[in-house]
Amino acid sequence: MTTTTARDTSLHAHLLRRAGFGATPEELDHYSALSYEDAVDELLRAENPQNLPDDLIRRYHTDMHELRFSNSAAAYWLYRMVTTKAPMQEKIALFWHGIFATGYAKTNQARSLLNQIEMFRNFGLGKLDDLLLELARDPSMIIWLDNQDNHNGAINENWGRELLELFTLGIGNYTEDDVKEASRAFTGWTLGNAEYMAMRASKDSIWPYGRIAWHFDFRDGDHDHGEKTFLGETGDLNGDDIIRIICRQPATARYIARHLYDYFVADEEPVPQWPYTPPKDPEAIDALAQAYFDGDHNIGHMLKVLFNSDFFKEAQFARVKGPAELVAGTMRLSGGVTRPMLEMISDSDLPAYMGQTLLNPPSVEGWHEGTEWINSGSLVERVNFAAKEISDITKPGVRVIIDMLANADGGHYAPDALVDRCLEIMGTGQVDQETRDSLVGRVAEKGPISLAGHQSGDDAEQRVGELLGLIASTTEYQLN
């Protein structure tokens, strides 16, 4: 293993919180053995996820064969977040899910929503042009923004408007005429089996086949081939042309840069306030916008620049963990998901109790993040879940932590040394002095602790579990 300083370890842990869902001790050891730059490259390659296999999950969860219900689909995605060895794949899917928000409440089609998430995994780190083209053809998005009702001679502006307003350019960088012309260009981009699905909607098929997922179809006879002028370019523009023009715009580069900064660096104001509120770090946005063009609109290249930047490295604990991040990260650390389990269905509801219902955002704006995740109700849910999950000394990941403590320094710890070591393992960094004093005081009530010759469930292990649960209750654990 490469020798690393405490600062190096802290920086790798910071990277793993943002490019994934935090780090287990084993993951931190693996990535800390690499240079920071190599760790960034490996995470961004997002290869060989080795997540819990689909056939094993479906053998246990019959509801995941048909994916009729949204909580089954959310549980399937949570399995991926918790068990993947390529966390950036799931993190980028979660990022785009919050921007290109598409939900079950309107689509009523969980299988197609998961198809969209798979599309985000496959294209989310590539060229924005390709991602937007896939999004425009995505059946869930077509239904979500009504493009199946967008016809030659009778346009529906929902998709054309949100493509410009919320997805790429932002308010102030296009005109109402641009919205109309974009909508005309996307006429005929619809569902290939719409009539059949409408007939089927009144009566679902017999289990286990469930609902048939939609697919995309371009209907040339319903497409407006007339001349259009969009952002200064004129011609018989199709949807492909609209996306190509959008992706060349400096405003698009800056808008995507601000989204990346908000999600991976530090919490910004909610998106509706962006036209009226300058970026928190204008120089960082400039650097990311330049990376967008230098990398030929490649999101992975932008993230490589971002993760290697000083503004990223200096932004530790500058974001509030989203509910899905908190739940997935804590479950990864506890190591409790090693096989399919019935509890996963109820666990998939946990982010919803904290304000984020996976696959069912509240509107086309997605979720307002940052400090808006925190209120009196959601905070209780967050703290209770994290403390209970990580204090359970029967969980495999918690047992790894206990064994690590037992195998170092002879397993003997003064209260302050145990607190500092557990804070490091939990990835919370430096808590404030008052919090640290409270943690040390709690451990000190029973004096020094010895894990030498510890037995499963004995008092020493119970004390470690309690301390881990208290750390999971701190303000710092709620931050990324």
Protein backbone atom coordinates (compact mmCIF):
# COMPACT_ATOMS: atom_id res chain seq x y z
CA MET A 1 0.00 0.00 0.00
CA THR A 2 1.18 3.50 -0.76
CA THR A 3 1.96 5.45 2.39
CA THR A 4 -0.58 8.24 2.81
CA THR A 5 -0.87 11.12 5.23
CA ALA A 6 -4.00 11.86 7.24
CA ARG A 7 -4.72 14.74 4.83
CA ASP A 8 -4.43 12.38 1.84
CA THR A 9 -6.86 9.95 3.46
CA SER A 10 -9.25 12.78 4.26
CA LEU A 11 -9.10 13.99 0.65
CA HIS A 12 -9.77 10.51 -0.73
CA ALA A 13 -12.70 10.15 1.68
CA HIS A 14 -14.04 13.51 0.46
CA LEU A 15 -13.78 12.31 -3.14
CA LEU A 16 -15.60 9.07 -2.32
CA ARG A 17 -18.43 10.94 -0.62
CA ARG A 18 -18.99 13.04 -3.73
CA ALA A 19 -18.18 10.52 -6.50
CA GLY A 20 -20.04 7.81 -4.62
CA PHE A 21 -21.88 7.30 -1.36
CA GLY A 22 -19.02 7.47 1.10
CA ALA A 23 -16.39 4.83 1.75
CA THR A 24 -16.25 1.59 3.65
CA PRO A 25 -12.89 0.96 5.35
CA GLU A 26 -11.97 -1.45 2.56
CA GLU A 27 -12.85 1.07 -0.15
CA LEU A 28 -10.89 3.81 1.57
CA ASP A 29 -7.86 1.51 1.82
CA HIS A 30 -8.14 0.66 -1.88
CA TYR A 31 -8.43 4.21 -3.15
CA SER A 32 -5.93 5.64 -0.67
CA ALA A 33 -3.35 3.25 -2.13
CA LEU A 34 -3.71 5.17 -5.40
CA SER A 35 -2.60 8.70 -6.09
CA TYR A 36 -5.49 11.14 -5.83
CA GLU A 37 -5.48 11.69 -9.61
CA ASP A 38 -5.55 7.94 -10.28
CA ALA A 39 -8.41 7.52 -7.81
CA VAL A 40 -10.38 10.16 -9.75
CA ASP A 41 -9.71 8.36 -13.02
CA GLU A 42 -10.75 4.96 -11.65
CA LEU A 43 -13.99 6.31 -10.21
CA LEU A 44 -14.87 8.09 -13.45
CA ARG A 45 -14.26 4.95 -15.51
CA ALA A 46 -17.22 3.47 -13.59
CA GLU A 47 -16.47 -0.06 -14.80
CA ASN A 48 -17.40 -3.53 -13.57
CA PRO A 49 -20.08 -2.63 -11.00
CA GLN A 50 -20.45 -6.21 -9.63
CA ASN A 51 -23.75 -5.24 -8.00
CA LEU A 52 -26.10 -7.84 -6.58
CA PRO A 53 -27.21 -9.80 -9.69
CA ASP A 54 -30.64 -9.18 -11.15
CA ASP A 55 -31.49 -12.87 -11.38
CA LEU A 56 -30.80 -13.31 -7.67
CA ILE A 57 -32.92 -10.29 -6.75
CA ARG A 58 -35.82 -11.39 -8.93
CA ARG A 59 -35.67 -14.93 -7.58
CA TYR A 60 -36.42 -13.48 -4.16
CA HIS A 61 -38.59 -10.48 -5.10
CA THR A 62 -41.32 -11.68 -7.42
CA ASP A 63 -42.62 -8.10 -7.65
CA MET A 64 -39.38 -7.11 -9.39
CA HIS A 65 -40.18 -9.36 -12.34
CA GLU A 66 -43.02 -7.09 -13.41
CA LEU A 67 -42.04 -3.82 -11.69
CA ARG A 68 -45.64 -2.75 -11.50
CA PHE A 69 -45.17 -0.64 -8.39
CA SER A 70 -42.89 2.30 -7.79
CA ASN A 71 -41.55 1.10 -4.43
CA SER A 72 -40.37 -2.17 -6.00
CA ALA A 73 -38.53 -0.17 -8.65
CA ALA A 74 -37.04 2.15 -6.02
CA ALA A 75 -35.89 -0.87 -3.99
CA TYR A 76 -34.26 -2.34 -7.11
CA TRP A 77 -32.33 0.91 -7.59
CA LEU A 78 -31.38 1.03 -3.91
CA TYR A 79 -29.89 -2.47 -4.25
CA ARG A 80 -27.69 -1.06 -7.03
CA MET A 81 -26.61 1.98 -5.01
CA VAL A 82 -25.74 -0.10 -1.96
CA THR A 83 -23.94 -3.02 -3.62
CA THR A 84 -22.20 -1.53 -6.67
CA LYS A 85 -18.42 -1.49 -6.98
CA ALA A 86 -18.71 1.41 -9.44
CA PRO A 87 -20.51 4.02 -7.32
CA MET A 88 -20.04 6.83 -9.83
CA GLN A 89 -22.45 5.01 -12.15
CA GLU A 90 -25.26 5.30 -9.64
CA LYS A 91 -24.23 8.78 -8.48
CA ILE A 92 -24.37 10.22 -11.98
CA ALA A 93 -27.76 8.53 -12.52
CA LEU A 94 -29.02 10.12 -9.30
CA PHE A 95 -27.62 13.49 -10.41
CA TRP A 96 -29.43 13.44 -13.76
CA HIS A 97 -32.60 12.04 -12.16
CA GLY A 98 -32.77 15.22 -10.08
CA ILE A 99 -32.35 17.46 -13.15
CA PHE A 100 -34.29 15.57 -15.84
CA ALA A 101 -36.93 14.83 -13.23
CA THR A 102 -39.42 12.18 -14.37
CA GLY A 103 -41.90 10.53 -12.04
CA TYR A 104 -44.26 7.63 -11.48
CA ALA A 105 -47.15 9.91 -10.52
CA LYS A 106 -47.73 10.77 -14.17
CA THR A 107 -46.07 7.96 -16.10
CA ASN A 108 -47.55 5.08 -14.03
CA GLN A 109 -44.79 2.94 -15.51
CA ALA A 110 -42.01 1.87 -13.14
CA ARG A 111 -40.26 -0.35 -15.66
CA SER A 112 -39.84 2.53 -18.11
CA LEU A 113 -38.54 4.77 -15.32
CA LEU A 114 -35.85 2.21 -14.53
CA ASN A 115 -35.03 2.09 -18.24
CA GLN A 116 -34.44 5.84 -18.03
CA ILE A 117 -32.12 5.38 -15.01
CA GLU A 118 -30.18 2.77 -17.00
CA MET A 119 -29.88 5.30 -19.81
CA PHE A 120 -28.40 7.80 -17.34
CA ARG A 121 -25.86 5.17 -16.27
CA ASN A 122 -24.88 4.50 -19.88
CA PHE A 123 -24.77 8.09 -21.18
CA GLY A 124 -24.51 10.28 -18.08
CA LEU A 125 -20.72 10.61 -18.18
CA GLY A 126 -20.49 11.03 -21.95
CA LYS A 127 -21.28 13.86 -24.36
CA LEU A 128 -24.21 16.05 -23.40
CA ASP A 129 -25.37 15.90 -27.04
CA ASP A 130 -25.80 12.12 -26.86
CA LEU A 131 -27.46 12.25 -23.44
CA LEU A 132 -30.02 14.84 -24.57
CA LEU A 133 -30.78 12.89 -27.72
CA GLU A 134 -31.44 9.77 -25.65
CA LEU A 135 -33.55 11.83 -23.26
CA ALA A 136 -35.66 13.23 -26.11
CA ARG A 137 -36.34 9.66 -27.23
CA ASP A 138 -36.99 8.35 -23.73
CA PRO A 139 -40.61 7.16 -23.39
CA SER A 140 -40.93 8.25 -19.75
CA MET A 141 -39.81 11.76 -20.63
CA ILE A 142 -42.12 11.86 -23.64
CA ILE A 143 -45.07 11.05 -21.36
CA TRP A 144 -43.83 13.27 -18.50
CA LEU A 145 -43.66 16.34 -20.75
CA ASP A 146 -46.50 15.41 -23.13
CA ASN A 147 -44.54 15.16 -26.36
CA GLN A 148 -46.90 12.39 -27.53
CA ASP A 149 -49.40 15.27 -27.82
CA ASN A 150 -47.01 17.42 -29.88
CA HIS A 151 -48.28 17.28 -33.48
CA ASN A 152 -47.66 19.00 -36.80
CA GLY A 153 -50.01 21.95 -36.83
CA ALA A 154 -50.94 21.56 -33.14
CA ILE A 155 -47.79 21.84 -31.06
CA ASN A 156 -47.48 21.10 -27.37
CA GLU A 157 -44.72 23.24 -25.86
CA ASN A 158 -44.04 21.33 -22.63
CA TRP A 159 -40.97 19.41 -23.78
CA GLY A 160 -39.59 22.24 -25.90
CA ARG A 161 -39.96 24.72 -23.04
CA GLU A 162 -38.44 22.60 -20.29
CA LEU A 163 -35.59 21.48 -22.54
CA LEU A 164 -34.56 25.13 -22.74
CA GLU A 165 -35.68 26.49 -19.38
CA LEU A 166 -34.76 23.75 -16.90
CA PHE A 167 -32.50 21.31 -18.73
CA THR A 168 -29.94 23.31 -20.73
CA LEU A 169 -30.00 27.09 -21.29
CA GLY A 170 -31.85 28.59 -18.36
CA ILE A 171 -34.26 31.52 -18.31
CA GLY A 172 -33.07 34.59 -20.20
CA ASN A 173 -31.09 32.74 -22.86
CA TYR A 174 -33.90 32.02 -25.34
CA THR A 175 -37.13 33.60 -26.59
CA GLU A 176 -40.72 32.44 -26.72
CA ASP A 177 -40.26 32.01 -30.46
CA ASP A 178 -37.35 29.64 -29.75
CA VAL A 179 -39.67 27.55 -27.56
CA LYS A 180 -42.23 27.31 -30.35
CA GLU A 181 -39.65 26.49 -33.00
CA ALA A 182 -38.06 23.82 -30.81
CA SER A 183 -41.49 22.31 -30.20
CA ARG A 184 -42.16 22.22 -33.95
CA ALA A 185 -38.84 20.44 -34.46
CA PHE A 186 -39.86 17.69 -32.03
CA THR A 187 -43.26 16.96 -33.61
CA GLY A 188 -43.54 13.29 -34.48
CA TRP A 189 -41.19 12.21 -31.65
CA THR A 190 -43.62 9.93 -29.86
CA LEU A 191 -44.40 6.47 -28.51
CA GLY A 192 -44.32 3.58 -30.92
CA ASN A 193 -46.94 1.54 -29.09
CA ALA A 194 -49.14 4.31 -27.70
CA GLU A 195 -52.45 2.92 -28.91
CA TYR A 196 -51.71 -0.57 -27.62
CA MET A 197 -50.57 0.79 -24.26
CA ALA A 198 -53.72 2.90 -23.96
CA MET A 199 -55.79 -0.22 -24.47
CA ARG A 200 -53.70 -2.16 -21.99
CA ALA A 201 -53.90 0.60 -19.36
CA SER A 202 -57.43 -0.40 -18.43
CA LYS A 203 -56.36 -3.92 -17.51
CA ASP A 204 -52.87 -5.00 -16.56
CA SER A 205 -51.72 -8.36 -17.82
CA ILE A 206 -51.72 -11.40 -15.60
CA TRP A 207 -48.71 -11.73 -13.29
CA PRO A 208 -45.77 -12.22 -13.74
CA TYR A 209 -45.55 -10.38 -17.06
CA GLY A 210 -46.84 -7.02 -15.86
CA ARG A 211 -46.89 -3.81 -17.81
CA ILE A 212 -45.08 -3.69 -21.12
CA ALA A 213 -42.58 -0.86 -21.34
CA TRP A 214 -43.09 1.80 -23.97
CA HIS A 215 -40.67 2.40 -26.81
CA PHE A 216 -39.84 5.41 -28.98
CA ASP A 217 -41.05 5.98 -32.52
CA PHE A 218 -40.47 8.82 -34.99
CA ARG A 219 -43.52 9.42 -37.16
CA ASP A 220 -42.42 11.34 -40.19
CA GLY A 221 -46.00 12.00 -41.26
CA ASP A 222 -46.64 13.89 -38.03
CA HIS A 223 -43.41 15.87 -38.18
CA ASP A 224 -43.35 19.54 -39.19
CA HIS A 225 -40.85 19.79 -42.06
CA GLY A 226 -41.36 23.53 -42.48
CA GLU A 227 -38.60 26.09 -42.15
CA LYS A 228 -37.75 27.00 -38.56
CA THR A 229 -35.45 29.53 -36.95
CA PHE A 230 -33.96 28.53 -33.60
CA LEU A 231 -31.30 30.52 -31.73
CA GLY A 232 -30.38 32.25 -34.98
CA GLU A 233 -30.12 29.13 -37.17
CA THR A 234 -32.68 28.53 -39.95
CA GLY A 235 -33.67 25.41 -41.87
CA ASP A 236 -35.85 22.30 -41.82
CA LEU A 237 -34.71 21.62 -38.28
CA ASN A 238 -35.42 18.31 -36.57
CA GLY A 239 -35.01 17.51 -32.87
CA ASP A 240 -31.44 16.34 -33.51
CA ASP A 241 -30.60 19.78 -34.91
CA ILE A 242 -32.15 21.54 -31.92
CA ILE A 243 -29.99 19.52 -29.53
CA ARG A 244 -26.88 20.14 -31.64
CA ILE A 245 -27.51 23.90 -31.57
CA ILE A 246 -28.25 23.93 -27.83
CA CYS A 247 -25.06 22.08 -26.99
CA ARG A 248 -22.95 24.67 -28.82
CA GLN A 249 -24.22 27.53 -26.64
CA PRO A 250 -22.00 29.14 -23.96
CA ALA A 251 -25.15 29.46 -21.82
CA THR A 252 -25.54 25.67 -21.89
CA ALA A 253 -21.94 25.19 -20.79
CA ARG A 254 -22.45 27.53 -17.85
CA TYR A 255 -25.82 26.05 -16.90
CA ILE A 256 -24.49 22.49 -16.80
CA ALA A 257 -21.38 23.74 -14.99
CA ARG A 258 -23.53 25.29 -12.28
CA HIS A 259 -25.52 22.07 -11.88
CA LEU A 260 -22.28 20.09 -11.48
CA TYR A 261 -20.93 22.60 -8.97
CA ASP A 262 -24.18 22.54 -6.98
CA TYR A 263 -24.26 18.74 -6.77
CA PHE A 264 -20.60 17.80 -6.49
CA VAL A 265 -18.97 20.84 -4.83
CA ALA A 266 -21.19 23.04 -2.65
CA ASP A 267 -24.88 23.73 -2.23
CA GLU A 268 -26.18 26.61 -4.32
CA GLU A 269 -29.52 28.40 -4.26
CA PRO A 270 -32.44 26.44 -5.80
CA VAL A 271 -32.49 26.46 -9.61
CA PRO A 272 -35.46 28.88 -9.95
CA GLN A 273 -33.32 31.55 -8.25
CA TRP A 274 -30.35 31.18 -10.59
CA PRO A 275 -31.44 33.91 -13.04
CA TYR A 276 -31.39 36.37 -10.15
CA THR A 277 -28.57 35.02 -7.97
CA PRO A 278 -24.93 34.87 -9.12
CA PRO A 279 -22.97 31.63 -8.69
CA LYS A 280 -21.30 31.04 -5.35
CA ASP A 281 -17.91 30.70 -7.10
CA PRO A 282 -17.93 32.41 -10.53
CA GLU A 283 -14.32 31.38 -11.27
CA ALA A 284 -15.20 27.73 -10.72
CA ILE A 285 -18.13 28.02 -13.12
CA ASP A 286 -15.82 29.63 -15.69
CA ALA A 287 -13.34 26.76 -15.34
CA LEU A 288 -16.04 24.11 -15.71
CA ALA A 289 -17.63 25.88 -18.69
CA GLN A 290 -14.24 25.96 -20.37
CA ALA A 291 -13.80 22.24 -19.60
CA TYR A 292 -17.15 21.62 -21.30
CA PHE A 293 -15.80 22.99 -24.60
CA ASP A 294 -12.27 21.63 -24.15
CA GLY A 295 -13.75 18.14 -23.70
CA ASP A 296 -16.18 18.39 -26.64
CA HIS A 297 -19.20 18.64 -24.31
CA ASN A 298 -18.11 15.57 -22.32
CA ILE A 299 -19.51 15.43 -18.76
CA GLY A 300 -16.83 13.01 -17.59
CA HIS A 301 -14.14 15.47 -18.65
CA MET A 302 -15.89 18.26 -16.74
CA LEU A 303 -16.01 16.09 -13.63
CA LYS A 304 -12.34 15.19 -13.96
CA VAL A 305 -11.49 18.90 -13.98
CA LEU A 306 -13.88 19.45 -11.08
CA PHE A 307 -12.57 16.66 -8.84
CA ASN A 308 -8.94 17.68 -9.42
CA SER A 309 -9.59 21.37 -8.73
CA ASP A 310 -8.67 23.30 -5.60
CA PHE A 311 -12.23 24.56 -5.28
CA PHE A 312 -13.42 20.96 -4.95
CA LYS A 313 -10.67 19.87 -2.58
CA GLU A 314 -11.39 22.82 -0.29
CA ALA A 315 -15.16 22.17 -0.18
CA GLN A 316 -15.29 19.32 2.32
CA PHE A 317 -18.63 19.07 4.16
CA ALA A 318 -20.05 21.94 2.08
CA ARG A 319 -23.15 19.99 1.01
CA VAL A 320 -26.07 18.45 2.84
CA LYS A 321 -26.40 14.78 1.94
CA GLY A 322 -29.53 14.08 -0.04
CA PRO A 323 -31.81 11.42 1.48
CA ALA A 324 -30.85 8.76 -1.07
CA GLU A 325 -27.17 9.55 -0.51
CA LEU A 326 -27.59 9.28 3.26
CA VAL A 327 -29.52 6.01 3.15
CA ALA A 328 -27.33 4.31 0.53
CA GLY A 329 -24.10 5.52 2.12
CA THR A 330 -25.07 4.38 5.61
CA MET A 331 -26.22 0.98 4.34
CA ARG A 332 -22.95 0.57 2.43
CA LEU A 333 -20.99 1.38 5.58
CA SER A 334 -23.01 -1.02 7.75
CA GLY A 335 -22.58 -3.75 5.12
CA GLY A 336 -25.98 -5.25 5.85
CA VAL A 337 -27.02 -5.90 2.24
CA THR A 338 -25.28 -9.10 1.16
CA ARG A 339 -28.32 -10.86 -0.31
CA PRO A 340 -31.89 -10.04 -1.29
CA MET A 341 -34.07 -9.34 1.74
CA LEU A 342 -37.70 -8.46 2.29
CA GLU A 343 -36.74 -5.39 4.34
CA MET A 344 -35.37 -3.72 1.21
CA ILE A 345 -38.88 -2.75 0.12
CA SER A 346 -39.48 -0.81 3.33
CA ASP A 347 -35.92 0.52 3.28
CA SER A 348 -36.61 2.02 -0.15
CA ASP A 349 -39.27 4.17 1.53
CA LEU A 350 -36.73 5.72 3.89
CA PRO A 351 -35.56 8.45 1.46
CA ALA A 352 -39.24 9.34 0.94
CA TYR A 353 -39.71 9.87 4.67
CA MET A 354 -36.76 12.25 4.47
CA GLY A 355 -38.21 14.17 1.52
CA GLN A 356 -36.95 12.33 -1.59
CA THR A 357 -39.20 9.71 -3.15
CA LEU A 358 -36.99 7.97 -5.69
CA LEU A 359 -38.53 7.77 -9.18
CA ASN A 360 -41.25 10.21 -8.16
CA PRO A 361 -39.94 13.80 -7.92
CA PRO A 362 -42.47 16.46 -6.88
CA SER A 363 -42.38 18.34 -10.18
CA VAL A 364 -40.39 18.89 -13.36
CA GLU A 365 -38.00 21.01 -11.24
CA GLY A 366 -36.97 17.93 -9.28
CA TRP A 367 -36.13 18.40 -5.62
CA HIS A 368 -34.92 21.56 -3.93
CA GLU A 369 -31.74 20.36 -2.26
CA GLY A 370 -29.18 21.69 0.21
CA THR A 371 -30.56 22.98 3.50
CA GLU A 372 -34.08 22.45 2.18
CA TRP A 373 -33.56 18.75 2.86
CA ILE A 374 -33.55 19.59 6.55
CA ASN A 375 -36.64 20.30 8.61
CA SER A 376 -37.83 19.11 12.00
CA GLY A 377 -39.52 16.01 10.60
CA SER A 378 -36.91 14.90 8.10
CA LEU A 379 -34.04 15.48 10.55
CA VAL A 380 -35.57 13.09 13.07
CA GLU A 381 -35.93 10.46 10.33
CA ARG A 382 -32.35 10.99 9.15
CA VAL A 383 -30.80 10.77 12.62
CA ASN A 384 -32.91 7.83 13.79
CA PHE A 385 -32.16 5.80 10.67
CA ALA A 386 -28.41 6.46 10.60
CA ALA A 387 -27.93 5.89 14.33
CA LYS A 388 -29.91 2.63 14.35
CA GLU A 389 -28.25 1.26 11.20
CA ILE A 390 -24.67 1.94 12.17
CA SER A 391 -24.93 1.00 15.86
CA ASP A 392 -26.07 -2.53 15.04
CA ILE A 393 -23.02 -4.62 15.88
CA THR A 394 -24.43 -7.64 14.02
CA LYS A 395 -24.06 -5.85 10.66
CA PRO A 396 -21.05 -7.15 8.67
CA GLY A 397 -19.64 -3.67 8.03
CA VAL A 398 -19.88 -2.72 11.69
CA ARG A 399 -18.09 -5.94 12.62
CA VAL A 400 -15.31 -4.97 10.20
CA ILE A 401 -14.93 -1.67 12.06
CA ILE A 402 -14.83 -3.45 15.43
CA ASP A 403 -12.20 -5.89 14.15
CA MET A 404 -10.11 -3.00 12.77
CA LEU A 405 -10.17 -1.37 16.19
CA ALA A 406 -9.33 -4.64 17.92
CA ASN A 407 -6.34 -5.32 15.65
CA ALA A 408 -4.71 -1.91 16.15
CA ASP A 409 -2.82 -0.68 19.20
CA GLY A 410 -3.48 -3.94 20.98
CA GLY A 411 -7.18 -3.11 21.00
CA HIS A 412 -6.74 -0.71 23.95
CA TYR A 413 -8.09 2.85 23.67
CA ALA A 414 -8.38 5.87 25.85
CA PRO A 415 -11.76 7.56 25.32
CA ASP A 416 -10.35 10.41 23.20
CA ALA A 417 -8.30 8.05 21.04
CA LEU A 418 -11.33 5.81 20.38
CA VAL A 419 -13.48 8.79 19.42
CA ASP A 420 -10.86 10.14 17.02
CA ARG A 421 -10.33 6.75 15.37
CA CYS A 422 -14.08 6.14 14.95
CA LEU A 423 -14.56 9.63 13.51
CA GLU A 424 -11.87 8.85 10.95
CA ILE A 425 -13.43 5.50 10.02
CA MET A 426 -16.90 7.04 9.74
CA GLY A 427 -15.56 9.71 7.40
CA THR A 428 -16.93 12.63 9.38
CA GLY A 429 -13.62 14.47 9.59
CA GLN A 430 -13.18 17.01 12.33
CA VAL A 431 -16.39 17.54 14.30
CA ASP A 432 -16.63 20.76 16.27
CA GLN A 433 -14.99 20.79 19.68
CA GLU A 434 -18.23 20.74 21.67
CA THR A 435 -19.43 17.66 19.78
CA ARG A 436 -16.09 15.90 20.23
CA ASP A 437 -16.06 16.70 23.96
CA SER A 438 -19.57 15.25 24.29
CA LEU A 439 -18.54 12.06 22.50
CA VAL A 440 -15.40 11.68 24.59
CA GLY A 441 -17.38 12.37 27.76
CA ARG A 442 -19.88 9.64 26.93
CA VAL A 443 -17.15 7.04 26.33
CA ALA A 444 -15.26 8.20 29.44
CA GLU A 445 -18.25 7.44 31.66
CA LYS A 446 -17.10 3.80 31.61
CA GLY A 447 -13.40 4.54 31.28
CA PRO A 448 -10.88 3.23 28.72
CA ILE A 449 -11.99 0.44 26.43
CA SER A 450 -10.26 -2.81 25.53
CA LEU A 451 -11.22 -4.92 22.55
CA ALA A 452 -8.44 -7.45 23.15
CA GLY A 453 -10.06 -10.87 23.13
CA HIS A 454 -13.47 -9.33 22.54
CA GLN A 455 -16.45 -11.63 22.22
CA SER A 456 -19.41 -11.08 19.92
CA GLY A 457 -21.92 -8.85 21.66
CA ASP A 458 -19.83 -8.19 24.77
CA ASP A 459 -19.78 -4.87 26.60
CA ALA A 460 -16.77 -3.51 24.68
CA GLU A 461 -18.46 -4.14 21.35
CA GLN A 462 -21.71 -2.62 22.59
CA ARG A 463 -19.82 0.51 23.62
CA VAL A 464 -18.25 0.81 20.17
CA GLY A 465 -21.66 0.35 18.54
CA GLU A 466 -23.14 3.07 20.73
CA LEU A 467 -20.31 5.45 19.82
CA LEU A 468 -20.76 4.78 16.10
CA GLY A 469 -24.47 5.49 16.45
CA LEU A 470 -23.76 8.76 18.25
CA ILE A 471 -21.35 9.82 15.49
CA ALA A 472 -24.05 9.05 12.91
CA SER A 473 -26.27 11.47 14.86
CA THR A 474 -23.88 14.41 14.52
CA THR A 475 -24.33 17.39 12.22
CA GLU A 476 -21.16 16.46 10.37
CA TYR A 477 -22.49 13.02 9.39
CA GLN A 478 -25.42 14.73 7.65
CA LEU A 479 -22.96 16.59 5.41
CA ASN A 480 -21.00 15.52 2.35
